[in-house]
Amino acid sequence: QGFPDARIVFLTTFSDEEYLKTALRLGSKGYLIKQEVGTLLPAL
């Protein structure tokens, strides 16, 4: 709301569908799973 261009990436152990839907609606720039930290830097 204060910074519309903010790049927010969620890193979580939960691939819950409701979380996914909300994250997409908000306009987040990513939704990554903690177990996949090896792909984190390329993703960023």
PDB file of all heavy atoms in Angstrom:
ATOM      1  N   GLN A   1       0.830  -1.203   0.000  1.00  0.00           N
ATOM      2  CA  GLN A   1       0.000   0.000   0.000  1.00  0.00           C
ATOM      3  C   GLN A   1       0.865   1.255   0.000  1.00  0.00           C
ATOM      4  O   GLN A   1       0.550   2.242  -0.655  1.00  0.00           O
ATOM      5  CB  GLN A   1      -0.935  -0.008   1.214  1.00  0.00           C
ATOM      6  CG  GLN A   1      -2.076  -0.994   1.094  1.00  0.00           C
ATOM      7  CD  GLN A   1      -2.929  -1.060   2.347  1.00  0.00           C
ATOM      8  OE1 GLN A   1      -2.601  -0.460   3.375  1.00  0.00           O
ATOM      9  NE2 GLN A   1      -4.036  -1.788   2.273  1.00  0.00           N
ATOM     10  N   GLY A   2       1.966   1.203   0.727  1.00  0.00           N
ATOM     11  CA  GLY A   2       2.854   2.363   0.783  1.00  0.00           C
ATOM     12  C   GLY A   2       3.918   2.377  -0.292  1.00  0.00           C
ATOM     13  O   GLY A   2       4.388   3.439  -0.705  1.00  0.00           O
ATOM     14  N   PHE A   3       4.282   1.164  -0.771  1.00  0.00           N
ATOM     15  CA  PHE A   3       5.341   1.026  -1.781  1.00  0.00           C
ATOM     16  C   PHE A   3       4.853   0.049  -2.860  1.00  0.00           C
ATOM     17  O   PHE A   3       5.215  -1.133  -2.840  1.00  0.00           O
ATOM     18  CB  PHE A   3       6.632   0.519  -1.141  1.00  0.00           C
ATOM     19  CG  PHE A   3       7.157   1.384  -0.028  1.00  0.00           C
ATOM     20  CD1 PHE A   3       6.761   1.161   1.293  1.00  0.00           C
ATOM     21  CD2 PHE A   3       8.032   2.431  -0.290  1.00  0.00           C
ATOM     22  CE1 PHE A   3       7.252   1.952   2.320  1.00  0.00           C
ATOM     23  CE2 PHE A   3       8.520   3.231   0.739  1.00  0.00           C
ATOM     24  CZ  PHE A   3       8.124   3.000   2.041  1.00  0.00           C
ATOM     25  N   PRO A   4       4.035   0.520  -3.789  1.00  0.00           N
ATOM     26  CA  PRO A   4       3.424  -0.373  -4.791  1.00  0.00           C
ATOM     27  C   PRO A   4       4.434  -1.144  -5.637  1.00  0.00           C
ATOM     28  O   PRO A   4       4.099  -2.190  -6.179  1.00  0.00           O
ATOM     29  CB  PRO A   4       2.597   0.584  -5.652  1.00  0.00           C
ATOM     30  CG  PRO A   4       2.369   1.781  -4.801  1.00  0.00           C
ATOM     31  CD  PRO A   4       3.587   1.910  -3.954  1.00  0.00           C
ATOM     32  N   ASP A   5       5.645  -0.614  -5.768  1.00  0.00           N
ATOM     33  CA  ASP A   5       6.655  -1.281  -6.595  1.00  0.00           C
ATOM     34  C   ASP A   5       7.555  -2.217  -5.800  1.00  0.00           C
ATOM     35  O   ASP A   5       8.536  -2.745  -6.344  1.00  0.00           O
ATOM     36  CB  ASP A   5       7.531  -0.233  -7.290  1.00  0.00           C
ATOM     37  CG  ASP A   5       6.741   0.613  -8.279  1.00  0.00           C
ATOM     38  OD1 ASP A   5       5.784   0.082  -8.867  1.00  0.00           O
ATOM     39  OD2 ASP A   5       7.073   1.803  -8.449  1.00  0.00           O
ATOM     40  N   ALA A   6       7.217  -2.449  -4.543  1.00  0.00           N
ATOM     41  CA  ALA A   6       8.044  -3.331  -3.710  1.00  0.00           C
ATOM     42  C   ALA A   6       8.111  -4.734  -4.313  1.00  0.00           C
ATOM     43  O   ALA A   6       7.098  -5.282  -4.751  1.00  0.00           O
ATOM     44  CB  ALA A   6       7.480  -3.401  -2.292  1.00  0.00           C
ATOM     45  N   ARG A   7       9.320  -5.280  -4.304  1.00  0.00           N
ATOM     46  CA  ARG A   7       9.504  -6.669  -4.762  1.00  0.00           C
ATOM     47  C   ARG A   7       9.503  -7.560  -3.521  1.00  0.00           C
ATOM     48  O   ARG A   7      10.480  -7.598  -2.782  1.00  0.00           O
ATOM     49  CB  ARG A   7      10.820  -6.820  -5.522  1.00  0.00           C
ATOM     50  CG  ARG A   7      10.966  -5.951  -6.767  1.00  0.00           C
ATOM     51  CD  ARG A   7      12.302  -6.263  -7.436  1.00  0.00           C
ATOM     52  NE  ARG A   7      12.592  -5.360  -8.541  1.00  0.00           N
ATOM     53  CZ  ARG A   7      13.326  -4.259  -8.436  1.00  0.00           C
ATOM     54  NH1 ARG A   7      13.827  -3.908  -7.248  1.00  0.00           N
ATOM     55  NH2 ARG A   7      13.573  -3.506  -9.489  1.00  0.00           N
ATOM     56  N   ILE A   8       8.400  -8.251  -3.314  1.00  0.00           N
ATOM     57  CA  ILE A   8       8.269  -9.143  -2.158  1.00  0.00           C
ATOM     58  C   ILE A   8       8.237 -10.577  -2.653  1.00  0.00           C
ATOM     59  O   ILE A   8       7.417 -10.936  -3.503  1.00  0.00           O
ATOM     60  CB  ILE A   8       7.001  -8.827  -1.349  1.00  0.00           C
ATOM     61  CG1 ILE A   8       7.073  -7.395  -0.796  1.00  0.00           C
ATOM     62  CG2 ILE A   8       6.830  -9.829  -0.209  1.00  0.00           C
ATOM     63  CD1 ILE A   8       5.833  -6.957  -0.063  1.00  0.00           C
ATOM     64  N   VAL A   9       9.146 -11.383  -2.133  1.00  0.00           N
ATOM     65  CA  VAL A   9       9.203 -12.801  -2.476  1.00  0.00           C
ATOM     66  C   VAL A   9       8.951 -13.602  -1.199  1.00  0.00           C
ATOM     67  O   VAL A   9       9.622 -13.390  -0.184  1.00  0.00           O
ATOM     68  CB  VAL A   9      10.574 -13.180  -3.070  1.00  0.00           C
ATOM     69  CG1 VAL A   9      10.656 -14.694  -3.301  1.00  0.00           C
ATOM     70  CG2 VAL A   9      10.821 -12.426  -4.372  1.00  0.00           C
ATOM     71  N   PHE A  10       7.974 -14.490  -1.239  1.00  0.00           N
ATOM     72  CA  PHE A  10       7.682 -15.337  -0.088  1.00  0.00           C
ATOM     73  C   PHE A  10       8.537 -16.597  -0.151  1.00  0.00           C
ATOM     74  O   PHE A  10       8.625 -17.252  -1.196  1.00  0.00           O
ATOM     75  CB  PHE A  10       6.200 -15.705  -0.050  1.00  0.00           C
ATOM     76  CG  PHE A  10       5.301 -14.546   0.271  1.00  0.00           C
ATOM     77  CD1 PHE A  10       4.473 -14.007  -0.701  1.00  0.00           C
ATOM     78  CD2 PHE A  10       5.298 -13.976   1.536  1.00  0.00           C
ATOM     79  CE1 PHE A  10       3.657 -12.921  -0.414  1.00  0.00           C
ATOM     80  CE2 PHE A  10       4.493 -12.892   1.830  1.00  0.00           C
ATOM     81  CZ  PHE A  10       3.658 -12.365   0.847  1.00  0.00           C
ATOM     82  N   LEU A  11       9.167 -16.908   0.954  1.00  0.00           N
ATOM     83  CA  LEU A  11       9.952 -18.132   1.087  1.00  0.00           C
ATOM     84  C   LEU A  11       9.375 -18.889   2.272  1.00  0.00           C
ATOM     85  O   LEU A  11       9.479 -18.442   3.413  1.00  0.00           O
ATOM     86  CB  LEU A  11      11.427 -17.805   1.321  1.00  0.00           C
ATOM     87  CG  LEU A  11      12.368 -19.003   1.438  1.00  0.00           C
ATOM     88  CD1 LEU A  11      12.438 -19.761   0.118  1.00  0.00           C
ATOM     89  CD2 LEU A  11      13.757 -18.555   1.856  1.00  0.00           C
ATOM     90  N   THR A  12       8.761 -20.038   2.012  1.00  0.00           N
ATOM     91  CA  THR A  12       7.978 -20.704   3.047  1.00  0.00           C
ATOM     92  C   THR A  12       8.047 -22.210   2.902  1.00  0.00           C
ATOM     93  O   THR A  12       8.426 -22.725   1.841  1.00  0.00           O
ATOM     94  CB  THR A  12       6.510 -20.229   2.971  1.00  0.00           C
ATOM     95  OG1 THR A  12       5.724 -20.909   3.954  1.00  0.00           O
ATOM     96  CG2 THR A  12       5.926 -20.484   1.593  1.00  0.00           C
ATOM     97  N   THR A  13       7.707 -22.902   3.979  1.00  0.00           N
ATOM     98  CA  THR A  13       7.586 -24.363   3.906  1.00  0.00           C
ATOM     99  C   THR A  13       6.187 -24.767   3.475  1.00  0.00           C
ATOM    100  O   THR A  13       5.917 -25.946   3.275  1.00  0.00           O
ATOM    101  CB  THR A  13       7.873 -25.001   5.281  1.00  0.00           C
ATOM    102  OG1 THR A  13       6.996 -24.432   6.255  1.00  0.00           O
ATOM    103  CG2 THR A  13       9.314 -24.757   5.700  1.00  0.00           C
ATOM    104  N   PHE A  14       5.286 -23.805   3.315  1.00  0.00           N
ATOM    105  CA  PHE A  14       3.889 -24.110   3.049  1.00  0.00           C
ATOM    106  C   PHE A  14       3.519 -23.781   1.604  1.00  0.00           C
ATOM    107  O   PHE A  14       3.534 -22.625   1.199  1.00  0.00           O
ATOM    108  CB  PHE A  14       2.980 -23.302   3.985  1.00  0.00           C
ATOM    109  CG  PHE A  14       3.220 -23.576   5.437  1.00  0.00           C
ATOM    110  CD1 PHE A  14       4.099 -22.790   6.168  1.00  0.00           C
ATOM    111  CD2 PHE A  14       2.599 -24.638   6.072  1.00  0.00           C
ATOM    112  CE1 PHE A  14       4.340 -23.045   7.508  1.00  0.00           C
ATOM    113  CE2 PHE A  14       2.831 -24.900   7.415  1.00  0.00           C
ATOM    114  CZ  PHE A  14       3.704 -24.107   8.131  1.00  0.00           C
ATOM    115  N   SER A  15       3.176 -24.810   0.813  1.00  0.00           N
ATOM    116  CA  SER A  15       2.682 -24.592  -0.542  1.00  0.00           C
ATOM    117  C   SER A  15       1.153 -24.674  -0.530  1.00  0.00           C
ATOM    118  O   SER A  15       0.529 -25.292  -1.373  1.00  0.00           O
ATOM    119  CB  SER A  15       3.267 -25.622  -1.509  1.00  0.00           C
ATOM    120  OG  SER A  15       2.980 -26.940  -1.080  1.00  0.00           O
ATOM    121  N   ASP A  16       0.553 -24.051   0.479  1.00  0.00           N
ATOM    122  CA  ASP A  16      -0.894 -24.060   0.690  1.00  0.00           C
ATOM    123  C   ASP A  16      -1.600 -23.258  -0.396  1.00  0.00           C
ATOM    124  O   ASP A  16      -1.161 -22.171  -0.778  1.00  0.00           O
ATOM    125  CB  ASP A  16      -1.188 -23.467   2.067  1.00  0.00           C
ATOM    126  CG  ASP A  16      -2.660 -23.448   2.375  1.00  0.00           C
ATOM    127  OD1 ASP A  16      -3.162 -24.439   2.911  1.00  0.00           O
ATOM    128  OD2 ASP A  16      -3.311 -22.435   2.057  1.00  0.00           O
ATOM    129  N   GLU A  17      -2.708 -23.783  -0.899  1.00  0.00           N
ATOM    130  CA  GLU A  17      -3.404 -23.136  -2.002  1.00  0.00           C
ATOM    131  C   GLU A  17      -3.946 -21.763  -1.622  1.00  0.00           C
ATOM    132  O   GLU A  17      -3.927 -20.825  -2.428  1.00  0.00           O
ATOM    133  CB  GLU A  17      -4.531 -24.043  -2.523  1.00  0.00           C
ATOM    134  CG  GLU A  17      -4.014 -25.293  -3.210  1.00  0.00           C
ATOM    135  CD  GLU A  17      -5.134 -26.199  -3.685  1.00  0.00           C
ATOM    136  OE1 GLU A  17      -6.304 -25.778  -3.612  1.00  0.00           O
ATOM    137  OE2 GLU A  17      -4.841 -27.330  -4.129  1.00  0.00           O
ATOM    138  N   GLU A  18      -4.444 -21.627  -0.411  1.00  0.00           N
ATOM    139  CA  GLU A  18      -4.973 -20.326   0.004  1.00  0.00           C
ATOM    140  C   GLU A  18      -3.862 -19.280   0.079  1.00  0.00           C
ATOM    141  O   GLU A  18      -4.047 -18.131  -0.309  1.00  0.00           O
ATOM    142  CB  GLU A  18      -5.678 -20.452   1.363  1.00  0.00           C
ATOM    143  CG  GLU A  18      -6.985 -21.227   1.311  1.00  0.00           C
ATOM    144  CD  GLU A  18      -7.985 -20.621   0.345  1.00  0.00           C
ATOM    145  OE1 GLU A  18      -8.111 -19.373   0.310  1.00  0.00           O
ATOM    146  OE2 GLU A  18      -8.641 -21.381  -0.389  1.00  0.00           O
ATOM    147  N   TYR A  19      -2.705 -19.691   0.596  1.00  0.00           N
ATOM    148  CA  TYR A  19      -1.569 -18.776   0.619  1.00  0.00           C
ATOM    149  C   TYR A  19      -1.190 -18.368  -0.805  1.00  0.00           C
ATOM    150  O   TYR A  19      -0.893 -17.203  -1.078  1.00  0.00           O
ATOM    151  CB  TYR A  19      -0.357 -19.433   1.285  1.00  0.00           C
ATOM    152  CG  TYR A  19      -0.470 -19.612   2.776  1.00  0.00           C
ATOM    153  CD1 TYR A  19       0.294 -20.566   3.433  1.00  0.00           C
ATOM    154  CD2 TYR A  19      -1.330 -18.828   3.545  1.00  0.00           C
ATOM    155  CE1 TYR A  19       0.215 -20.741   4.811  1.00  0.00           C
ATOM    156  CE2 TYR A  19      -1.419 -18.990   4.919  1.00  0.00           C
ATOM    157  CZ  TYR A  19      -0.639 -19.949   5.545  1.00  0.00           C
ATOM    158  OH  TYR A  19      -0.719 -20.111   6.900  1.00  0.00           O
ATOM    159  N   LEU A  20      -1.161 -19.352  -1.697  1.00  0.00           N
ATOM    160  CA  LEU A  20      -0.824 -19.074  -3.092  1.00  0.00           C
ATOM    161  C   LEU A  20      -1.775 -18.048  -3.702  1.00  0.00           C
ATOM    162  O   LEU A  20      -1.350 -17.080  -4.348  1.00  0.00           O
ATOM    163  CB  LEU A  20      -0.880 -20.369  -3.913  1.00  0.00           C
ATOM    164  CG  LEU A  20       0.347 -21.254  -3.916  1.00  0.00           C
ATOM    165  CD1 LEU A  20       0.018 -22.587  -4.562  1.00  0.00           C
ATOM    166  CD2 LEU A  20       1.491 -20.589  -4.651  1.00  0.00           C
ATOM    167  N   LYS A  21      -3.052 -18.270  -3.507  1.00  0.00           N
ATOM    168  CA  LYS A  21      -4.046 -17.368  -4.081  1.00  0.00           C
ATOM    169  C   LYS A  21      -3.873 -15.950  -3.552  1.00  0.00           C
ATOM    170  O   LYS A  21      -3.921 -14.978  -4.308  1.00  0.00           O
ATOM    171  CB  LYS A  21      -5.465 -17.883  -3.787  1.00  0.00           C
ATOM    172  CG  LYS A  21      -5.831 -19.141  -4.552  1.00  0.00           C
ATOM    173  CD  LYS A  21      -7.292 -19.498  -4.391  1.00  0.00           C
ATOM    174  CE  LYS A  21      -7.632 -20.000  -3.017  1.00  0.00           C
ATOM    175  NZ  LYS A  21      -9.028 -20.478  -2.925  1.00  0.00           N
ATOM    176  N   THR A  22      -3.668 -15.846  -2.253  1.00  0.00           N
ATOM    177  CA  THR A  22      -3.510 -14.522  -1.656  1.00  0.00           C
ATOM    178  C   THR A  22      -2.231 -13.855  -2.135  1.00  0.00           C
ATOM    179  O   THR A  22      -2.216 -12.663  -2.459  1.00  0.00           O
ATOM    180  CB  THR A  22      -3.519 -14.623  -0.123  1.00  0.00           C
ATOM    181  OG1 THR A  22      -4.732 -15.254   0.302  1.00  0.00           O
ATOM    182  CG2 THR A  22      -3.427 -13.247   0.504  1.00  0.00           C
ATOM    183  N   ALA A  23      -1.149 -14.615  -2.197  1.00  0.00           N
ATOM    184  CA  ALA A  23       0.126 -14.053  -2.652  1.00  0.00           C
ATOM    185  C   ALA A  23       0.020 -13.531  -4.082  1.00  0.00           C
ATOM    186  O   ALA A  23       0.520 -12.455  -4.407  1.00  0.00           O
ATOM    187  CB  ALA A  23       1.225 -15.106  -2.544  1.00  0.00           C
ATOM    188  N   LEU A  24      -0.656 -14.270  -4.941  1.00  0.00           N
ATOM    189  CA  LEU A  24      -0.830 -13.840  -6.327  1.00  0.00           C
ATOM    190  C   LEU A  24      -1.698 -12.595  -6.401  1.00  0.00           C
ATOM    191  O   LEU A  24      -1.429 -11.669  -7.169  1.00  0.00           O
ATOM    192  CB  LEU A  24      -1.457 -14.970  -7.147  1.00  0.00           C
ATOM    193  CG  LEU A  24      -0.550 -16.178  -7.408  1.00  0.00           C
ATOM    194  CD1 LEU A  24      -1.348 -17.320  -8.001  1.00  0.00           C
ATOM    195  CD2 LEU A  24       0.602 -15.800  -8.326  1.00  0.00           C
ATOM    196  N   ARG A  25      -2.755 -12.585  -5.597  1.00  0.00           N
ATOM    197  CA  ARG A  25      -3.654 -11.420  -5.612  1.00  0.00           C
ATOM    198  C   ARG A  25      -2.919 -10.167  -5.150  1.00  0.00           C
ATOM    199  O   ARG A  25      -3.139  -9.075  -5.684  1.00  0.00           O
ATOM    200  CB  ARG A  25      -4.855 -11.684  -4.695  1.00  0.00           C
ATOM    201  CG  ARG A  25      -5.815 -10.505  -4.591  1.00  0.00           C
ATOM    202  CD  ARG A  25      -7.002 -10.834  -3.698  1.00  0.00           C
ATOM    203  NE  ARG A  25      -6.583 -11.214  -2.359  1.00  0.00           N
ATOM    204  CZ  ARG A  25      -6.268 -10.355  -1.398  1.00  0.00           C
ATOM    205  NH1 ARG A  25      -6.291  -9.052  -1.625  1.00  0.00           N
ATOM    206  NH2 ARG A  25      -5.920 -10.782  -0.203  1.00  0.00           N
ATOM    207  N   LEU A  26      -2.051 -10.316  -4.169  1.00  0.00           N
ATOM    208  CA  LEU A  26      -1.332  -9.170  -3.643  1.00  0.00           C
ATOM    209  C   LEU A  26      -0.355  -8.576  -4.651  1.00  0.00           C
ATOM    210  O   LEU A  26      -0.043  -7.390  -4.604  1.00  0.00           O
ATOM    211  CB  LEU A  26      -0.546  -9.573  -2.393  1.00  0.00           C
ATOM    212  CG  LEU A  26      -1.344  -9.850  -1.125  1.00  0.00           C
ATOM    213  CD1 LEU A  26      -0.419 -10.367  -0.035  1.00  0.00           C
ATOM    214  CD2 LEU A  26      -2.056  -8.588  -0.660  1.00  0.00           C
ATOM    215  N   GLY A  27       0.139  -9.415  -5.555  1.00  0.00           N
ATOM    216  CA  GLY A  27       1.135  -8.945  -6.499  1.00  0.00           C
ATOM    217  C   GLY A  27       2.555  -9.234  -6.055  1.00  0.00           C
ATOM    218  O   GLY A  27       3.484  -8.496  -6.408  1.00  0.00           O
ATOM    219  N   SER A  28       2.748 -10.314  -5.292  1.00  0.00           N
ATOM    220  CA  SER A  28       4.105 -10.680  -4.886  1.00  0.00           C
ATOM    221  C   SER A  28       4.908 -11.087  -6.115  1.00  0.00           C
ATOM    222  O   SER A  28       4.355 -11.467  -7.146  1.00  0.00           O
ATOM    223  CB  SER A  28       4.072 -11.836  -3.883  1.00  0.00           C
ATOM    224  OG  SER A  28       3.560 -13.009  -4.486  1.00  0.00           O
ATOM    225  N   LYS A  29       6.221 -10.999  -5.994  1.00  0.00           N
ATOM    226  CA  LYS A  29       7.103 -11.312  -7.113  1.00  0.00           C
ATOM    227  C   LYS A  29       7.609 -12.747  -7.090  1.00  0.00           C
ATOM    228  O   LYS A  29       8.355 -13.157  -7.981  1.00  0.00           O
ATOM    229  CB  LYS A  29       8.307 -10.361  -7.118  1.00  0.00           C
ATOM    230  CG  LYS A  29       7.933  -8.891  -7.211  1.00  0.00           C
ATOM    231  CD  LYS A  29       7.134  -8.591  -8.462  1.00  0.00           C
ATOM    232  CE  LYS A  29       6.819  -7.104  -8.560  1.00  0.00           C
ATOM    233  NZ  LYS A  29       5.966  -6.792  -9.737  1.00  0.00           N
ATOM    234  N   GLY A  30       7.213 -13.499  -6.084  1.00  0.00           N
ATOM    235  CA  GLY A  30       7.652 -14.882  -6.053  1.00  0.00           C
ATOM    236  C   GLY A  30       7.072 -15.648  -4.889  1.00  0.00           C
ATOM    237  O   GLY A  30       6.651 -15.065  -3.877  1.00  0.00           O
ATOM    238  N   TYR A  31       7.037 -16.966  -5.027  1.00  0.00           N
ATOM    239  CA  TYR A  31       6.552 -17.861  -3.987  1.00  0.00           C
ATOM    240  C   TYR A  31       7.441 -19.096  -4.051  1.00  0.00           C
ATOM    241  O   TYR A  31       7.287 -19.948  -4.923  1.00  0.00           O
ATOM    242  CB  TYR A  31       5.088 -18.223  -4.225  1.00  0.00           C
ATOM    243  CG  TYR A  31       4.402 -18.881  -3.052  1.00  0.00           C
ATOM    244  CD1 TYR A  31       3.477 -18.175  -2.278  1.00  0.00           C
ATOM    245  CD2 TYR A  31       4.662 -20.206  -2.718  1.00  0.00           C
ATOM    246  CE1 TYR A  31       2.838 -18.779  -1.201  1.00  0.00           C
ATOM    247  CE2 TYR A  31       4.030 -20.813  -1.642  1.00  0.00           C
ATOM    248  CZ  TYR A  31       3.118 -20.093  -0.898  1.00  0.00           C
ATOM    249  OH  TYR A  31       2.494 -20.695   0.171  1.00  0.00           O
ATOM    250  N   LEU A  32       8.425 -19.148  -3.166  1.00  0.00           N
ATOM    251  CA  LEU A  32       9.430 -20.198  -3.192  1.00  0.00           C
ATOM    252  C   LEU A  32       9.343 -21.072  -1.942  1.00  0.00           C
ATOM    253  O   LEU A  32       8.862 -20.631  -0.905  1.00  0.00           O
ATOM    254  CB  LEU A  32      10.831 -19.571  -3.279  1.00  0.00           C
ATOM    255  CG  LEU A  32      11.051 -18.616  -4.464  1.00  0.00           C
ATOM    256  CD1 LEU A  32      12.427 -17.959  -4.357  1.00  0.00           C
ATOM    257  CD2 LEU A  32      10.913 -19.348  -5.785  1.00  0.00           C
ATOM    258  N   ILE A  33       9.828 -22.289  -2.068  1.00  0.00           N
ATOM    259  CA  ILE A  33       9.783 -23.259  -0.981  1.00  0.00           C
ATOM    260  C   ILE A  33      11.160 -23.354  -0.333  1.00  0.00           C
ATOM    261  O   ILE A  33      12.180 -23.417  -1.020  1.00  0.00           O
ATOM    262  CB  ILE A  33       9.339 -24.642  -1.504  1.00  0.00           C
ATOM    263  CG1 ILE A  33       8.007 -24.507  -2.255  1.00  0.00           C
ATOM    264  CG2 ILE A  33       9.202 -25.625  -0.349  1.00  0.00           C
ATOM    265  CD1 ILE A  33       6.876 -23.923  -1.439  1.00  0.00           C
ATOM    266  N   LYS A  34      11.203 -23.337   0.998  1.00  0.00           N
ATOM    267  CA  LYS A  34      12.471 -23.285   1.715  1.00  0.00           C
ATOM    268  C   LYS A  34      13.388 -24.459   1.390  1.00  0.00           C
ATOM    269  O   LYS A  34      14.611 -24.325   1.433  1.00  0.00           O
ATOM    270  CB  LYS A  34      12.223 -23.227   3.221  1.00  0.00           C
ATOM    271  CG  LYS A  34      11.693 -21.890   3.705  1.00  0.00           C
ATOM    272  CD  LYS A  34      11.504 -21.872   5.211  1.00  0.00           C
ATOM    273  CE  LYS A  34      11.019 -20.518   5.689  1.00  0.00           C
ATOM    274  NZ  LYS A  34      10.774 -20.474   7.140  1.00  0.00           N
ATOM    275  N   GLN A  35      12.813 -25.600   1.079  1.00  0.00           N
ATOM    276  CA  GLN A  35      13.643 -26.759   0.785  1.00  0.00           C
ATOM    277  C   GLN A  35      14.418 -26.588  -0.517  1.00  0.00           C
ATOM    278  O   GLN A  35      15.306 -27.383  -0.819  1.00  0.00           O
ATOM    279  CB  GLN A  35      12.770 -28.023   0.697  1.00  0.00           C
ATOM    280  CG  GLN A  35      12.191 -28.451   2.031  1.00  0.00           C
ATOM    281  CD  GLN A  35      10.874 -27.757   2.364  1.00  0.00           C
ATOM    282  OE1 GLN A  35      10.593 -26.674   1.866  1.00  0.00           O
ATOM    283  NE2 GLN A  35      10.064 -28.401   3.203  1.00  0.00           N
ATOM    284  N   GLU A  36      14.108 -25.554  -1.286  1.00  0.00           N
ATOM    285  CA  GLU A  36      14.760 -25.351  -2.582  1.00  0.00           C
ATOM    286  C   GLU A  36      15.736 -24.168  -2.535  1.00  0.00           C
ATOM    287  O   GLU A  36      15.848 -23.404  -3.498  1.00  0.00           O
ATOM    288  CB  GLU A  36      13.699 -25.114  -3.660  1.00  0.00           C
ATOM    289  CG  GLU A  36      12.744 -26.278  -3.821  1.00  0.00           C
ATOM    290  CD  GLU A  36      11.605 -25.980  -4.791  1.00  0.00           C
ATOM    291  OE1 GLU A  36      11.396 -24.803  -5.141  1.00  0.00           O
ATOM    292  OE2 GLU A  36      10.930 -26.931  -5.186  1.00  0.00           O
ATOM    293  N   VAL A  37      16.465 -24.037  -1.453  1.00  0.00           N
ATOM    294  CA  VAL A  37      17.352 -22.879  -1.280  1.00  0.00           C
ATOM    295  C   VAL A  37      18.448 -22.829  -2.339  1.00  0.00           C
ATOM    296  O   VAL A  37      19.000 -21.764  -2.620  1.00  0.00           O
ATOM    297  CB  VAL A  37      17.984 -22.849   0.127  1.00  0.00           C
ATOM    298  CG1 VAL A  37      16.940 -22.560   1.178  1.00  0.00           C
ATOM    299  CG2 VAL A  37      18.718 -24.168   0.425  1.00  0.00           C
ATOM    300  N   GLY A  38      18.757 -23.962  -2.952  1.00  0.00           N
ATOM    301  CA  GLY A  38      19.774 -23.981  -3.991  1.00  0.00           C
ATOM    302  C   GLY A  38      19.404 -23.158  -5.208  1.00  0.00           C
ATOM    303  O   GLY A  38      20.272 -22.720  -5.966  1.00  0.00           O
ATOM    304  N   THR A  39      18.109 -22.933  -5.408  1.00  0.00           N
ATOM    305  CA  THR A  39      17.641 -22.156  -6.564  1.00  0.00           C
ATOM    306  C   THR A  39      17.346 -20.707  -6.185  1.00  0.00           C
ATOM    307  O   THR A  39      16.862 -19.939  -7.011  1.00  0.00           O
ATOM    308  CB  THR A  39      16.370 -22.785  -7.150  1.00  0.00           C
ATOM    309  OG1 THR A  39      15.298 -22.694  -6.182  1.00  0.00           O
ATOM    310  CG2 THR A  39      16.594 -24.250  -7.504  1.00  0.00           C
ATOM    311  N   LEU A  40      17.642 -20.342  -4.942  1.00  0.00           N
ATOM    312  CA  LEU A  40      17.226 -19.044  -4.431  1.00  0.00           C
ATOM    313  C   LEU A  40      17.896 -17.874  -5.156  1.00  0.00           C
ATOM    314  O   LEU A  40      17.225 -16.925  -5.585  1.00  0.00           O
ATOM    315  CB  LEU A  40      17.507 -18.967  -2.936  1.00  0.00           C
ATOM    316  CG  LEU A  40      16.982 -17.748  -2.189  1.00  0.00           C
ATOM    317  CD1 LEU A  40      15.498 -17.546  -2.446  1.00  0.00           C
ATOM    318  CD2 LEU A  40      17.247 -17.902  -0.696  1.00  0.00           C
ATOM    319  N   LEU A  41      19.200 -17.915  -5.300  1.00  0.00           N
ATOM    320  CA  LEU A  41      19.904 -16.789  -5.919  1.00  0.00           C
ATOM    321  C   LEU A  41      19.490 -16.580  -7.375  1.00  0.00           C
ATOM    322  O   LEU A  41      19.185 -15.439  -7.774  1.00  0.00           O
ATOM    323  CB  LEU A  41      21.410 -16.981  -5.801  1.00  0.00           C
ATOM    324  CG  LEU A  41      22.264 -15.826  -6.330  1.00  0.00           C
ATOM    325  CD1 LEU A  41      21.871 -14.498  -5.685  1.00  0.00           C
ATOM    326  CD2 LEU A  41      23.746 -16.110  -6.097  1.00  0.00           C
ATOM    327  N   PRO A  42      19.422 -17.635  -8.203  1.00  0.00           N
ATOM    328  CA  PRO A  42      18.923 -17.432  -9.571  1.00  0.00           C
ATOM    329  C   PRO A  42      17.507 -16.870  -9.594  1.00  0.00           C
ATOM    330  O   PRO A  42      17.171 -16.046 -10.457  1.00  0.00           O
ATOM    331  CB  PRO A  42      18.970 -18.831 -10.186  1.00  0.00           C
ATOM    332  CG  PRO A  42      20.002 -19.560  -9.399  1.00  0.00           C
ATOM    333  CD  PRO A  42      19.895 -19.018  -8.003  1.00  0.00           C
ATOM    334  N   ALA A  43      16.681 -17.295  -8.636  1.00  0.00           N
ATOM    335  CA  ALA A  43      15.313 -16.790  -8.573  1.00  0.00           C
ATOM    336  C   ALA A  43      15.299 -15.296  -8.275  1.00  0.00           C
ATOM    337  O   ALA A  43      14.541 -14.530  -8.881  1.00  0.00           O
ATOM    338  CB  ALA A  43      14.516 -17.553  -7.513  1.00  0.00           C
ATOM    339  N   LEU A  44      16.142 -14.858  -7.343  1.00  0.00           N
ATOM    340  CA  LEU A  44      16.190 -13.435  -7.008  1.00  0.00           C
ATOM    341  C   LEU A  44      16.681 -12.606  -8.195  1.00  0.00           C
ATOM    342  O   LEU A  44      16.195 -11.493  -8.434  1.00  0.00           O
ATOM    343  CB  LEU A  44      17.080 -13.210  -5.794  1.00  0.00           C
ATOM    344  CG  LEU A  44      16.621 -13.868  -4.479  1.00  0.00           C
ATOM    345  CD1 LEU A  44      17.526 -13.433  -3.331  1.00  0.00           C
ATOM    346  CD2 LEU A  44      15.170 -13.554  -4.178  1.00  0.00           C
TER     347      LEU A  44
END
